[in-house]
All heavy atoms as atom14 arrays in JSON, in Angstrom:
{
  "sequence": "KVLDHALSGEAGISSCERFVEALGLRTLFSAFMGKSRTGKRK",
  "atom14_mask": [
    [1, 1, 1, 1, 1, 1, 1, 1, 1, 0, 0, 0, 0, 0],
    [1, 1, 1, 1, 1, 1, 1, 0, 0, 0, 0, 0, 0, 0],
    [1, 1, 1, 1, 1, 1, 1, 1, 0, 0, 0, 0, 0, 0],
    [1, 1, 1, 1, 1, 1, 1, 1, 0, 0, 0, 0, 0, 0],
    [1, 1, 1, 1, 1, 1, 1, 1, 1, 1, 0, 0, 0, 0],
    [1, 1, 1, 1, 1, 0, 0, 0, 0, 0, 0, 0, 0, 0],
    [1, 1, 1, 1, 1, 1, 1, 1, 0, 0, 0, 0, 0, 0],
    [1, 1, 1, 1, 1, 1, 0, 0, 0, 0, 0, 0, 0, 0],
    [1, 1, 1, 1, 0, 0, 0, 0, 0, 0, 0, 0, 0, 0],
    [1, 1, 1, 1, 1, 1, 1, 1, 1, 0, 0, 0, 0, 0],
    [1, 1, 1, 1, 1, 0, 0, 0, 0, 0, 0, 0, 0, 0],
    [1, 1, 1, 1, 0, 0, 0, 0, 0, 0, 0, 0, 0, 0],
    [1, 1, 1, 1, 1, 1, 1, 1, 0, 0, 0, 0, 0, 0],
    [1, 1, 1, 1, 1, 1, 0, 0, 0, 0, 0, 0, 0, 0],
    [1, 1, 1, 1, 1, 1, 0, 0, 0, 0, 0, 0, 0, 0],
    [1, 1, 1, 1, 1, 1, 0, 0, 0, 0, 0, 0, 0, 0],
    [1, 1, 1, 1, 1, 1, 1, 1, 1, 0, 0, 0, 0, 0],
    [1, 1, 1, 1, 1, 1, 1, 1, 1, 1, 1, 0, 0, 0],
    [1, 1, 1, 1, 1, 1, 1, 1, 1, 1, 1, 0, 0, 0],
    [1, 1, 1, 1, 1, 1, 1, 0, 0, 0, 0, 0, 0, 0],
    [1, 1, 1, 1, 1, 1, 1, 1, 1, 0, 0, 0, 0, 0],
    [1, 1, 1, 1, 1, 0, 0, 0, 0, 0, 0, 0, 0, 0],
    [1, 1, 1, 1, 1, 1, 1, 1, 0, 0, 0, 0, 0, 0],
    [1, 1, 1, 1, 0, 0, 0, 0, 0, 0, 0, 0, 0, 0],
    [1, 1, 1, 1, 1, 1, 1, 1, 0, 0, 0, 0, 0, 0],
    [1, 1, 1, 1, 1, 1, 1, 1, 1, 1, 1, 0, 0, 0],
    [1, 1, 1, 1, 1, 1, 1, 0, 0, 0, 0, 0, 0, 0],
    [1, 1, 1, 1, 1, 1, 1, 1, 0, 0, 0, 0, 0, 0],
    [1, 1, 1, 1, 1, 1, 1, 1, 1, 1, 1, 0, 0, 0],
    [1, 1, 1, 1, 1, 1, 0, 0, 0, 0, 0, 0, 0, 0],
    [1, 1, 1, 1, 1, 0, 0, 0, 0, 0, 0, 0, 0, 0],
    [1, 1, 1, 1, 1, 1, 1, 1, 1, 1, 1, 0, 0, 0],
    [1, 1, 1, 1, 1, 1, 1, 1, 0, 0, 0, 0, 0, 0],
    [1, 1, 1, 1, 0, 0, 0, 0, 0, 0, 0, 0, 0, 0],
    [1, 1, 1, 1, 1, 1, 1, 1, 1, 0, 0, 0, 0, 0],
    [1, 1, 1, 1, 1, 1, 0, 0, 0, 0, 0, 0, 0, 0],
    [1, 1, 1, 1, 1, 1, 1, 1, 1, 1, 1, 0, 0, 0],
    [1, 1, 1, 1, 1, 1, 1, 0, 0, 0, 0, 0, 0, 0],
    [1, 1, 1, 1, 0, 0, 0, 0, 0, 0, 0, 0, 0, 0],
    [1, 1, 1, 1, 1, 1, 1, 1, 1, 0, 0, 0, 0, 0],
    [1, 1, 1, 1, 1, 1, 1, 1, 1, 1, 1, 0, 0, 0],
    [1, 1, 1, 1, 1, 1, 1, 1, 1, 0, 0, 0, 0, 0]
  ],
  "atom14_positions": [
    [[0.84, -1.21, 0.0], [0.0, 0.0, 0.0], [0.87, 1.25, 0.0], [0.56, 2.23, -0.72], [-0.92, -0.02, 1.22], [-1.84, 1.19, 1.3], [-2.91, 1.02, 2.36], [-2.36, 1.06, 3.75], [-3.43, 1.06, 4.79], [0.0, 0.0, 0.0], [0.0, 0.0, 0.0], [0.0, 0.0, 0.0], [0.0, 0.0, 0.0], [0.0, 0.0, 0.0]],
    [[1.93, 1.26, 0.79], [2.82, 2.41, 0.83], [3.48, 2.62, -0.53], [3.57, 3.76, -1.04], [3.89, 2.23, 1.93], [4.95, 3.33, 1.83], [3.25, 2.25, 3.3], [0.0, 0.0, 0.0], [0.0, 0.0, 0.0], [0.0, 0.0, 0.0], [0.0, 0.0, 0.0], [0.0, 0.0, 0.0], [0.0, 0.0, 0.0], [0.0, 0.0, 0.0]],
    [[3.93, 1.54, -1.16], [4.57, 1.65, -2.48], [3.6, 2.18, -3.53], [4.0, 2.91, -4.46], [5.12, 0.3, -2.91], [6.4, -0.15, -2.2], [6.71, -1.61, -2.52], [7.57, 0.74, -2.6], [0.0, 0.0, 0.0], [0.0, 0.0, 0.0], [0.0, 0.0, 0.0], [0.0, 0.0, 0.0], [0.0, 0.0, 0.0], [0.0, 0.0, 0.0]],
    [[2.34, 1.83, -3.42], [1.32, 2.35, -4.34], [1.33, 3.87, -4.33], [1.24, 4.52, -5.38], [-0.05, 1.79, -3.95], [-1.16, 2.23, -4.88], [-0.86, 2.76, -5.97], [-2.34, 2.05, -4.53], [0.0, 0.0, 0.0], [0.0, 0.0, 0.0], [0.0, 0.0, 0.0], [0.0, 0.0, 0.0], [0.0, 0.0, 0.0], [0.0, 0.0, 0.0]],
    [[1.48, 4.47, -3.14], [1.48, 5.92, -3.03], [2.84, 6.51, -3.37], [2.9, 7.6, -3.97], [1.08, 6.33, -1.62], [-0.35, 6.02, -1.31], [-1.37, 6.9, -1.57], [-0.93, 4.92, -0.79], [-2.53, 6.36, -1.22], [-2.28, 5.16, -0.74], [0.0, 0.0, 0.0], [0.0, 0.0, 0.0], [0.0, 0.0, 0.0], [0.0, 0.0, 0.0]],
    [[3.9, 5.83, -3.03], [5.23, 6.37, -3.28], [5.57, 6.41, -4.76], [6.29, 7.31, -5.22], [6.27, 5.52, -2.53], [0.0, 0.0, 0.0], [0.0, 0.0, 0.0], [0.0, 0.0, 0.0], [0.0, 0.0, 0.0], [0.0, 0.0, 0.0], [0.0, 0.0, 0.0], [0.0, 0.0, 0.0], [0.0, 0.0, 0.0], [0.0, 0.0, 0.0]],
    [[5.06, 5.46, -5.54], [5.41, 5.36, -6.96], [4.48, 6.15, -7.87], [4.76, 6.29, -9.07], [5.42, 3.89, -7.4], [6.72, 3.1, -7.18], [7.18, 3.12, -5.74], [6.53, 1.65, -7.65], [0.0, 0.0, 0.0], [0.0, 0.0, 0.0], [0.0, 0.0, 0.0], [0.0, 0.0, 0.0], [0.0, 0.0, 0.0], [0.0, 0.0, 0.0]],
    [[3.38, 6.65, -7.37], [2.38, 7.29, -8.23], [2.81, 8.68, -8.67], [3.53, 9.38, -7.96], [1.04, 7.38, -7.5], [1.14, 8.25, -6.39], [0.0, 0.0, 0.0], [0.0, 0.0, 0.0], [0.0, 0.0, 0.0], [0.0, 0.0, 0.0], [0.0, 0.0, 0.0], [0.0, 0.0, 0.0], [0.0, 0.0, 0.0], [0.0, 0.0, 0.0]],
    [[2.35, 9.06, -9.86], [2.57, 10.41, -10.36], [3.98, 10.67, -10.84], [4.88, 9.85, -10.72], [0.0, 0.0, 0.0], [0.0, 0.0, 0.0], [0.0, 0.0, 0.0], [0.0, 0.0, 0.0], [0.0, 0.0, 0.0], [0.0, 0.0, 0.0], [0.0, 0.0, 0.0], [0.0, 0.0, 0.0], [0.0, 0.0, 0.0], [0.0, 0.0, 0.0]],
    [[4.17, 11.86, -11.4], [5.49, 12.24, -11.92], [6.53, 12.3, -10.81], [7.72, 12.03, -11.05], [5.39, 13.6, -12.62], [4.59, 13.55, -13.91], [4.53, 14.9, -14.6], [3.63, 15.68, -14.27], [5.4, 15.15, -15.45], [0.0, 0.0, 0.0], [0.0, 0.0, 0.0], [0.0, 0.0, 0.0], [0.0, 0.0, 0.0], [0.0, 0.0, 0.0]],
    [[6.1, 12.65, -9.59], [7.04, 12.7, -8.48], [7.54, 11.31, -8.08], [8.51, 11.18, -7.34], [6.38, 13.36, -7.27], [0.0, 0.0, 0.0], [0.0, 0.0, 0.0], [0.0, 0.0, 0.0], [0.0, 0.0, 0.0], [0.0, 0.0, 0.0], [0.0, 0.0, 0.0], [0.0, 0.0, 0.0], [0.0, 0.0, 0.0], [0.0, 0.0, 0.0]],
    [[6.87, 10.26, -8.59], [7.28, 8.89, -8.26], [8.15, 8.24, -9.31], [8.44, 7.04, -9.21], [0.0, 0.0, 0.0], [0.0, 0.0, 0.0], [0.0, 0.0, 0.0], [0.0, 0.0, 0.0], [0.0, 0.0, 0.0], [0.0, 0.0, 0.0], [0.0, 0.0, 0.0], [0.0, 0.0, 0.0], [0.0, 0.0, 0.0], [0.0, 0.0, 0.0]],
    [[8.59, 9.0, -10.33], [9.39, 8.41, -11.4], [10.68, 7.79, -10.86], [11.02, 6.65, -11.18], [9.72, 9.47, -12.48], [8.44, 9.87, -13.22], [10.76, 8.95, -13.46], [8.64, 10.98, -14.24], [0.0, 0.0, 0.0], [0.0, 0.0, 0.0], [0.0, 0.0, 0.0], [0.0, 0.0, 0.0], [0.0, 0.0, 0.0], [0.0, 0.0, 0.0]],
    [[11.39, 8.53, -10.04], [12.66, 8.02, -9.48], [12.42, 6.8, -8.61], [13.22, 5.85, -8.6], [13.37, 9.12, -8.69], [13.71, 10.2, -9.51], [0.0, 0.0, 0.0], [0.0, 0.0, 0.0], [0.0, 0.0, 0.0], [0.0, 0.0, 0.0], [0.0, 0.0, 0.0], [0.0, 0.0, 0.0], [0.0, 0.0, 0.0], [0.0, 0.0, 0.0]],
    [[11.31, 6.81, -7.86], [11.0, 5.67, -7.0], [10.66, 4.43, -7.83], [10.96, 3.3, -7.43], [9.84, 6.01, -6.06], [10.22, 7.0, -5.13], [0.0, 0.0, 0.0], [0.0, 0.0, 0.0], [0.0, 0.0, 0.0], [0.0, 0.0, 0.0], [0.0, 0.0, 0.0], [0.0, 0.0, 0.0], [0.0, 0.0, 0.0], [0.0, 0.0, 0.0]],
    [[10.04, 4.64, -8.99], [9.74, 3.51, -9.87], [11.03, 2.85, -10.34], [11.15, 1.61, -10.37], [8.91, 3.98, -11.07], [7.2, 4.36, -10.67], [0.0, 0.0, 0.0], [0.0, 0.0, 0.0], [0.0, 0.0, 0.0], [0.0, 0.0, 0.0], [0.0, 0.0, 0.0], [0.0, 0.0, 0.0], [0.0, 0.0, 0.0], [0.0, 0.0, 0.0]],
    [[11.99, 3.67, -10.75], [13.29, 3.13, -11.17], [13.96, 2.39, -10.02], [14.51, 1.29, -10.19], [14.19, 4.27, -11.66], [13.74, 4.93, -12.95], [14.04, 4.07, -14.16], [14.7, 3.02, -14.03], [13.58, 4.44, -15.27], [0.0, 0.0, 0.0], [0.0, 0.0, 0.0], [0.0, 0.0, 0.0], [0.0, 0.0, 0.0], [0.0, 0.0, 0.0]],
    [[13.91, 3.0, -8.83], [14.55, 2.38, -7.65], [13.86, 1.06, -7.31], [14.53, 0.11, -6.89], [14.46, 3.35, -6.48], [15.17, 2.89, -5.2], [16.67, 3.02, -5.32], [17.05, 4.41, -5.45], [17.23, 5.25, -4.43], [17.04, 4.84, -3.18], [17.6, 6.5, -4.65], [0.0, 0.0, 0.0], [0.0, 0.0, 0.0], [0.0, 0.0, 0.0]],
    [[12.55, 0.99, -7.48], [11.81, -0.23, -7.17], [12.28, -1.39, -8.04], [12.48, -2.51, -7.54], [10.31, 0.03, -7.38], [9.44, -1.18, -7.19], [9.12, -1.63, -5.93], [8.96, -1.88, -8.29], [8.32, -2.76, -5.75], [8.15, -3.0, -8.12], [7.83, -3.44, -6.85], [0.0, 0.0, 0.0], [0.0, 0.0, 0.0], [0.0, 0.0, 0.0]],
    [[12.45, -1.15, -9.33], [12.93, -2.21, -10.23], [14.35, -2.6, -9.89], [14.7, -3.79, -9.87], [12.81, -1.77, -11.7], [13.35, -2.86, -12.63], [11.35, -1.45, -12.05], [0.0, 0.0, 0.0], [0.0, 0.0, 0.0], [0.0, 0.0, 0.0], [0.0, 0.0, 0.0], [0.0, 0.0, 0.0], [0.0, 0.0, 0.0], [0.0, 0.0, 0.0]],
    [[15.19, -1.61, -9.6], [16.59, -1.89, -9.24], [16.68, -2.7, -7.96], [17.6, -3.51, -7.79], [17.34, -0.57, -9.07], [17.52, 0.23, -10.36], [18.09, 1.6, -10.11], [18.4, 1.91, -8.92], [18.24, 2.39, -11.07], [0.0, 0.0, 0.0], [0.0, 0.0, 0.0], [0.0, 0.0, 0.0], [0.0, 0.0, 0.0], [0.0, 0.0, 0.0]],
    [[15.74, -2.51, -7.04], [15.75, -3.23, -5.76], [15.12, -4.61, -5.88], [14.86, -5.26, -4.87], [15.02, -2.42, -4.7], [0.0, 0.0, 0.0], [0.0, 0.0, 0.0], [0.0, 0.0, 0.0], [0.0, 0.0, 0.0], [0.0, 0.0, 0.0], [0.0, 0.0, 0.0], [0.0, 0.0, 0.0], [0.0, 0.0, 0.0], [0.0, 0.0, 0.0]],
    [[14.88, -5.05, -7.13], [14.33, -6.39, -7.41], [12.93, -6.57, -6.82], [12.58, -7.63, -6.28], [15.28, -7.48, -6.87], [16.73, -7.4, -7.34], [17.56, -8.52, -6.7], [16.83, -7.45, -8.85], [0.0, 0.0, 0.0], [0.0, 0.0, 0.0], [0.0, 0.0, 0.0], [0.0, 0.0, 0.0], [0.0, 0.0, 0.0], [0.0, 0.0, 0.0]],
    [[12.15, -5.5, -6.92], [10.8, -5.57, -6.38], [9.78, -6.24, -7.28], [8.72, -6.66, -6.82], [0.0, 0.0, 0.0], [0.0, 0.0, 0.0], [0.0, 0.0, 0.0], [0.0, 0.0, 0.0], [0.0, 0.0, 0.0], [0.0, 0.0, 0.0], [0.0, 0.0, 0.0], [0.0, 0.0, 0.0], [0.0, 0.0, 0.0], [0.0, 0.0, 0.0]],
    [[10.1, -6.39, -8.61], [9.13, -6.95, -9.54], [8.77, -8.4, -9.2], [7.6, -8.79, -9.26], [9.68, -6.89, -10.97], [9.75, -5.49, -11.61], [10.39, -5.57, -12.98], [8.36, -4.88, -11.7], [0.0, 0.0, 0.0], [0.0, 0.0, 0.0], [0.0, 0.0, 0.0], [0.0, 0.0, 0.0], [0.0, 0.0, 0.0], [0.0, 0.0, 0.0]],
    [[9.76, -9.18, -8.86], [9.51, -10.6, -8.57], [8.54, -10.76, -7.4], [7.57, -11.54, -7.47], [10.83, -11.31, -8.26], [10.65, -12.78, -7.95], [11.99, -13.45, -7.74], [11.82, -14.87, -7.42], [12.83, -15.72, -7.2], [14.09, -15.29, -7.27], [12.59, -16.97, -6.9], [0.0, 0.0, 0.0], [0.0, 0.0, 0.0], [0.0, 0.0, 0.0]],
    [[8.79, -10.03, -6.33], [7.92, -10.13, -5.16], [6.54, -9.56, -5.45], [5.53, -10.1, -5.0], [8.55, -9.38, -3.97], [9.88, -9.85, -3.76], [7.75, -9.59, -2.71], [0.0, 0.0, 0.0], [0.0, 0.0, 0.0], [0.0, 0.0, 0.0], [0.0, 0.0, 0.0], [0.0, 0.0, 0.0], [0.0, 0.0, 0.0], [0.0, 0.0, 0.0]],
    [[6.49, -8.47, -6.22], [5.21, -7.86, -6.56], [4.34, -8.82, -7.36], [3.15, -8.99, -7.05], [5.45, -6.57, -7.36], [4.18, -5.85, -7.83], [3.45, -5.26, -6.64], [4.51, -4.76, -8.86], [0.0, 0.0, 0.0], [0.0, 0.0, 0.0], [0.0, 0.0, 0.0], [0.0, 0.0, 0.0], [0.0, 0.0, 0.0], [0.0, 0.0, 0.0]],
    [[4.91, -9.47, -8.37], [4.11, -10.37, -9.19], [3.77, -11.67, -8.46], [2.77, -12.31, -8.76], [4.83, -10.66, -10.51], [4.62, -9.59, -11.53], [5.6, -8.61, -11.75], [3.45, -9.52, -12.26], [5.41, -7.62, -12.68], [3.25, -8.52, -13.19], [4.23, -7.55, -13.41], [0.0, 0.0, 0.0], [0.0, 0.0, 0.0], [0.0, 0.0, 0.0]],
    [[4.61, -12.02, -7.5], [4.26, -13.18, -6.66], [3.0, -12.87, -5.86], [2.1, -13.71, -5.75], [5.42, -13.5, -5.72], [5.08, -14.54, -4.84], [0.0, 0.0, 0.0], [0.0, 0.0, 0.0], [0.0, 0.0, 0.0], [0.0, 0.0, 0.0], [0.0, 0.0, 0.0], [0.0, 0.0, 0.0], [0.0, 0.0, 0.0], [0.0, 0.0, 0.0]],
    [[2.92, -11.64, -5.31], [1.72, -11.23, -4.59], [0.54, -11.08, -5.54], [-0.6, -11.42, -5.2], [1.99, -9.92, -3.86], [0.0, 0.0, 0.0], [0.0, 0.0, 0.0], [0.0, 0.0, 0.0], [0.0, 0.0, 0.0], [0.0, 0.0, 0.0], [0.0, 0.0, 0.0], [0.0, 0.0, 0.0], [0.0, 0.0, 0.0], [0.0, 0.0, 0.0]],
    [[0.81, -10.6, -6.75], [-0.25, -10.42, -7.74], [-0.89, -11.75, -8.12], [-2.12, -11.83, -8.31], [0.35, -9.75, -8.99], [-0.62, -9.56, -10.12], [-1.73, -8.75, -9.97], [-0.43, -10.21, -11.32], [-2.64, -8.58, -11.01], [-1.32, -10.04, -12.37], [-2.43, -9.22, -12.21], [0.0, 0.0, 0.0], [0.0, 0.0, 0.0], [0.0, 0.0, 0.0]],
    [[-0.1, -12.79, -8.18], [-0.63, -14.12, -8.53], [-1.24, -14.83, -7.33], [-1.76, -15.94, -7.45], [0.49, -14.98, -9.12], [1.08, -14.45, -10.42], [-0.15, -14.25, -11.72], [-0.6, -15.95, -12.01], [0.0, 0.0, 0.0], [0.0, 0.0, 0.0], [0.0, 0.0, 0.0], [0.0, 0.0, 0.0], [0.0, 0.0, 0.0], [0.0, 0.0, 0.0]],
    [[-1.18, -14.19, -6.15], [-1.78, -14.77, -4.96], [-0.97, -15.86, -4.32], [-1.46, -16.62, -3.48], [0.0, 0.0, 0.0], [0.0, 0.0, 0.0], [0.0, 0.0, 0.0], [0.0, 0.0, 0.0], [0.0, 0.0, 0.0], [0.0, 0.0, 0.0], [0.0, 0.0, 0.0], [0.0, 0.0, 0.0], [0.0, 0.0, 0.0], [0.0, 0.0, 0.0]],
    [[0.33, -15.97, -4.7], [1.16, -17.05, -4.18], [1.7, -16.76, -2.79], [2.17, -17.66, -2.11], [2.35, -17.28, -5.13], [1.95, -17.74, -6.52], [3.16, -17.88, -7.41], [2.78, -18.33, -8.81], [3.94, -18.46, -9.72], [0.0, 0.0, 0.0], [0.0, 0.0, 0.0], [0.0, 0.0, 0.0], [0.0, 0.0, 0.0], [0.0, 0.0, 0.0]],
    [[1.61, -15.51, -2.36], [2.25, -15.14, -1.09], [1.27, -14.92, 0.03], [1.65, -14.6, 1.14], [3.06, -13.85, -1.3], [2.2, -12.8, -1.7], [0.0, 0.0, 0.0], [0.0, 0.0, 0.0], [0.0, 0.0, 0.0], [0.0, 0.0, 0.0], [0.0, 0.0, 0.0], [0.0, 0.0, 0.0], [0.0, 0.0, 0.0], [0.0, 0.0, 0.0]],
    [[-0.02, -15.06, -0.24], [-1.0, -14.76, 0.79], [-1.11, -15.89, 1.79], [-1.17, -17.06, 1.42], [-2.37, -14.48, 0.16], [-2.39, -13.19, -0.63], [-3.74, -12.95, -1.25], [-3.68, -11.77, -2.13], [-4.6, -11.46, -3.0], [-5.66, -12.24, -3.15], [-4.5, -10.38, -3.75], [0.0, 0.0, 0.0], [0.0, 0.0, 0.0], [0.0, 0.0, 0.0]],
    [[-1.2, -15.51, 3.05], [-1.37, -16.51, 4.11], [-2.83, -16.94, 4.14], [-3.69, -16.34, 3.49], [-0.99, -15.9, 5.47], [-1.9, -14.83, 5.76], [0.43, -15.36, 5.45], [0.0, 0.0, 0.0], [0.0, 0.0, 0.0], [0.0, 0.0, 0.0], [0.0, 0.0, 0.0], [0.0, 0.0, 0.0], [0.0, 0.0, 0.0], [0.0, 0.0, 0.0]],
    [[-3.11, -17.96, 4.93], [-4.48, -18.43, 5.04], [-5.41, -17.36, 5.54], [-6.55, -17.24, 5.1], [0.0, 0.0, 0.0], [0.0, 0.0, 0.0], [0.0, 0.0, 0.0], [0.0, 0.0, 0.0], [0.0, 0.0, 0.0], [0.0, 0.0, 0.0], [0.0, 0.0, 0.0], [0.0, 0.0, 0.0], [0.0, 0.0, 0.0], [0.0, 0.0, 0.0]],
    [[-4.94, -16.54, 6.47], [-5.77, -15.48, 7.02], [-6.13, -14.46, 5.94], [-7.23, -13.97, 5.86], [-5.07, -14.78, 8.18], [-4.9, -15.66, 9.41], [-4.23, -14.9, 10.53], [-4.06, -15.76, 11.77], [-3.39, -15.03, 12.86], [0.0, 0.0, 0.0], [0.0, 0.0, 0.0], [0.0, 0.0, 0.0], [0.0, 0.0, 0.0], [0.0, 0.0, 0.0]],
    [[-5.16, -14.14, 5.1], [-5.41, -13.15, 4.06], [-6.37, -13.72, 3.02], [-7.22, -13.04, 2.49], [-4.1, -12.74, 3.37], [-3.09, -12.12, 4.31], [-3.6, -10.86, 4.93], [-3.76, -9.79, 3.97], [-4.23, -8.58, 4.27], [-4.61, -8.31, 5.5], [-4.35, -7.65, 3.35], [0.0, 0.0, 0.0], [0.0, 0.0, 0.0], [0.0, 0.0, 0.0]],
    [[-6.22, -15.0, 2.69], [-7.11, -15.61, 1.72], [-8.55, -15.65, 2.23], [-9.5, -15.61, 1.47], [-6.64, -17.03, 1.38], [-5.37, -17.07, 0.56], [-4.97, -18.51, 0.26], [-3.69, -18.56, -0.57], [-3.28, -19.96, -0.82], [0.0, 0.0, 0.0], [0.0, 0.0, 0.0], [0.0, 0.0, 0.0], [0.0, 0.0, 0.0], [0.0, 0.0, 0.0]]
  ]
}
């Protein structure tokens, strides 16, 4: 949720680049596919 706000808009351009550099895509898409949710979250 915090990243959603940090990366939005033109002011978030640098943060978007930093996010990819920090290898955030793999974890993000893992959550997107629902592979990381615990039983409580499901």
